[in-house]
C-alpha atoms as a PDB file:
ATOM      1  CA  UNK A   1      80.040 132.637  33.232  1.00  0.00           C
ATOM      2  CA  UNK A   2      76.387 133.601  32.921  1.00  0.00           C
ATOM      3  CA  UNK A   3      74.752 131.037  30.665  1.00  0.00           C
ATOM      4  CA  UNK A   4      71.181 132.301  30.662  1.00  0.00           C
ATOM      5  CA  UNK A   5      69.262 135.427  31.614  1.00  0.00           C
ATOM      6  CA  UNK A   6      65.787 134.959  33.058  1.00  0.00           C
ATOM      7  CA  UNK A   7      63.586 138.062  33.090  1.00  0.00           C
ATOM      8  CA  UNK A   8      60.430 137.879  35.235  1.00  0.00           C
ATOM      9  CA  UNK A   9      58.351 140.989  34.429  1.00  0.00           C
ATOM     10  CA  UNK A  10      55.321 139.816  36.416  1.00  0.00           C
ATOM     11  CA  UNK A  11      57.258 139.864  39.728  1.00  0.00           C
ATOM     12  CA  UNK A  12      57.651 143.102  41.737  1.00  0.00           C
ATOM     13  CA  UNK A  13      60.527 145.140  40.387  1.00  0.00           C
ATOM     14  CA  UNK A  14      60.623 143.087  37.167  1.00  0.00           C
ATOM     15  CA  UNK A  15      63.827 141.216  38.194  1.00  0.00           C
ATOM     16  CA  UNK A  16      66.344 139.630  35.832  1.00  0.00           C
ATOM     17  CA  UNK A  17      68.383 136.645  37.015  1.00  0.00           C
ATOM     18  CA  UNK A  18      71.662 135.269  35.687  1.00  0.00           C
ATOM     19  CA  UNK A  19      71.669 131.461  35.697  1.00  0.00           C
ATOM     20  CA  UNK A  20      74.728 129.219  35.672  1.00  0.00           C
ATOM     21  CA  UNK A  21      75.316 125.528  35.115  1.00  0.00           C
ATOM     22  CA  UNK A  22      75.241 123.367  38.219  1.00  0.00           C
ATOM     23  CA  UNK A  23      78.753 122.534  39.358  1.00  0.00           C
ATOM     24  CA  UNK A  24      78.646 118.992  40.707  1.00  0.00           C
ATOM     25  CA  UNK A  25      80.989 117.849  43.446  1.00  0.00           C
ATOM     26  CA  UNK A  26      82.185 119.113  46.812  1.00  0.00           C
ATOM     27  CA  UNK A  27      81.885 122.907  46.748  1.00  0.00           C
ATOM     28  CA  UNK A  28      84.634 124.406  48.917  1.00  0.00           C
ATOM     29  CA  UNK A  29      85.433 127.995  49.887  1.00  0.00           C
ATOM     30  CA  UNK A  30      89.242 128.026  49.659  1.00  0.00           C
ATOM     31  CA  UNK A  31      89.843 131.589  50.865  1.00  0.00           C
ATOM     32  CA  UNK A  32      87.869 134.778  51.487  1.00  0.00           C
ATOM     33  CA  UNK A  33      88.184 138.572  51.521  1.00  0.00           C
ATOM     34  CA  UNK A  34      89.429 138.704  55.127  1.00  0.00           C
ATOM     35  CA  UNK A  35      92.390 136.307  55.238  1.00  0.00           C
ATOM     36  CA  UNK A  36      90.622 132.973  55.805  1.00  0.00           C
ATOM     37  CA  UNK A  37      92.426 130.047  54.134  1.00  0.00           C
ATOM     38  CA  UNK A  38      90.730 126.613  54.091  1.00  0.00           C
ATOM     39  CA  UNK A  39      92.935 123.884  55.536  1.00  0.00           C
ATOM     40  CA  UNK A  40      95.735 126.256  56.545  1.00  0.00           C
ATOM     41  CA  UNK A  41      96.345 124.320  59.739  1.00  0.00           C
ATOM     42  CA  UNK A  42      95.062 120.841  58.847  1.00  0.00           C
ATOM     43  CA  UNK A  43      95.706 118.060  56.383  1.00  0.00           C
ATOM     44  CA  UNK A  44      92.529 117.734  54.306  1.00  0.00           C
ATOM     45  CA  UNK A  45      92.709 115.803  51.046  1.00  0.00           C
ATOM     46  CA  UNK A  46      89.925 118.008  49.587  1.00  0.00           C
ATOM     47  CA  UNK A  47      92.017 121.149  50.011  1.00  0.00           C
ATOM     48  CA  UNK A  48      93.938 122.172  46.925  1.00  0.00           C
ATOM     49  CA  UNK A  49      97.072 124.305  46.669  1.00  0.00           C
ATOM     50  CA  UNK A  50      95.957 125.905  43.388  1.00  0.00           C
ATOM     51  CA  UNK A  51      93.664 128.617  44.861  1.00  0.00           C
ATOM     52  CA  UNK A  52      96.267 129.885  47.346  1.00  0.00           C
ATOM     53  CA  UNK A  53      98.994 129.727  44.694  1.00  0.00           C
ATOM     54  CA  UNK A  54      96.799 131.727  42.311  1.00  0.00           C
ATOM     55  CA  UNK A  55      96.076 134.392  44.960  1.00  0.00           C
ATOM     56  CA  UNK A  56      99.797 134.613  45.719  1.00  0.00           C
ATOM     57  CA  UNK A  57     100.680 134.772  42.001  1.00  0.00           C
ATOM     58  CA  UNK A  58      98.278 137.670  41.367  1.00  0.00           C
ATOM     59  CA  UNK A  59      99.774 139.581  44.303  1.00  0.00           C
ATOM     60  CA  UNK A  60     103.368 138.991  43.170  1.00  0.00           C
ATOM     61  CA  UNK A  61     102.663 139.561  39.457  1.00  0.00           C
ATOM     62  CA  UNK A  62     101.078 142.968  40.170  1.00  0.00           C
ATOM     63  CA  UNK A  63     103.858 143.914  42.617  1.00  0.00           C
ATOM     64  CA  UNK A  64     101.373 143.993  45.497  1.00  0.00           C
ATOM     65  CA  UNK A  65      98.876 146.230  43.703  1.00  0.00           C
ATOM     66  CA  UNK A  66      96.141 143.577  43.256  1.00  0.00           C
ATOM     67  CA  UNK A  67      95.154 140.191  44.615  1.00  0.00           C
ATOM     68  CA  UNK A  68      92.441 137.722  43.616  1.00  0.00           C
ATOM     69  CA  UNK A  69      90.663 136.289  46.670  1.00  0.00           C
ATOM     70  CA  UNK A  70      87.319 134.789  47.704  1.00  0.00           C
ATOM     71  CA  UNK A  71      88.118 131.704  45.655  1.00  0.00           C
ATOM     72  CA  UNK A  72      85.504 128.967  45.908  1.00  0.00           C
ATOM     73  CA  UNK A  73      84.269 126.125  43.759  1.00  0.00           C
ATOM     74  CA  UNK A  74      84.809 122.486  42.870  1.00  0.00           C
ATOM     75  CA  UNK A  75      88.298 121.235  41.993  1.00  0.00           C
ATOM     76  CA  UNK A  76      89.893 123.883  39.761  1.00  0.00           C
ATOM     77  CA  UNK A  77      86.548 125.336  38.609  1.00  0.00           C
ATOM     78  CA  UNK A  78      86.024 128.514  40.625  1.00  0.00           C
ATOM     79  CA  UNK A  79      83.104 130.900  40.996  1.00  0.00           C
ATOM     80  CA  UNK A  80      82.809 134.535  42.065  1.00  0.00           C
ATOM     81  CA  UNK A  81      86.434 135.448  42.848  1.00  0.00           C
ATOM     82  CA  UNK A  82      87.070 139.058  43.873  1.00  0.00           C
ATOM     83  CA  UNK A  83      89.898 141.351  42.788  1.00  0.00           C
ATOM     84  CA  UNK A  84      91.184 143.663  45.516  1.00  0.00           C
ATOM     85  CA  UNK A  85      93.385 146.535  44.451  1.00  0.00           C
ATOM     86  CA  UNK A  86      95.340 149.294  46.161  1.00  0.00           C
ATOM     87  CA  UNK A  87      93.670 152.694  45.965  1.00  0.00           C
ATOM     88  CA  UNK A  88      90.435 151.509  44.363  1.00  0.00           C
ATOM     89  CA  UNK A  89      87.953 152.210  47.159  1.00  0.00           C
ATOM     90  CA  UNK A  90      84.421 151.072  46.377  1.00  0.00           C
ATOM     91  CA  UNK A  91      85.357 149.177  43.231  1.00  0.00           C
ATOM     92  CA  UNK A  92      85.326 145.395  43.345  1.00  0.00           C
ATOM     93  CA  UNK A  93      85.397 143.388  40.128  1.00  0.00           C
ATOM     94  CA  UNK A  94      83.512 140.103  40.280  1.00  0.00           C
ATOM     95  CA  UNK A  95      83.960 137.239  37.847  1.00  0.00           C
ATOM     96  CA  UNK A  96      81.557 134.335  37.551  1.00  0.00           C
ATOM     97  CA  UNK A  97      82.647 130.912  36.312  1.00  0.00           C
ATOM     98  CA  UNK A  98      86.416 131.418  36.279  1.00  0.00           C
ATOM     99  CA  UNK A  99      88.185 128.188  35.444  1.00  0.00           C
ATOM    100  CA  UNK A 100      91.927 127.659  35.381  1.00  0.00           C
ATOM    101  CA  UNK A 101      91.240 124.902  32.867  1.00  0.00           C
ATOM    102  CA  UNK A 102      90.042 127.429  30.237  1.00  0.00           C
END
């Protein structure tokens, strides 16, 4: 979740940045938009089942109409997951700071 907005009017284009808290620990990309699954063919103690289970749950719960992918983060604190949906060309919803602990 965006914790702070930083507006820099003196820079070209007057950009605004969204800042987040630092997530400490081993940052792992568990899956992506194209079918990659971390640790799918290896035993790695860092790899968690939660991200793949959550992607599968979203697919089953929506009867195959949506799936949450691109899950990455530390432990069960995830950042920037993507929601893919059937028939929604050009529309991707991005969430920042999703935590299954919340």
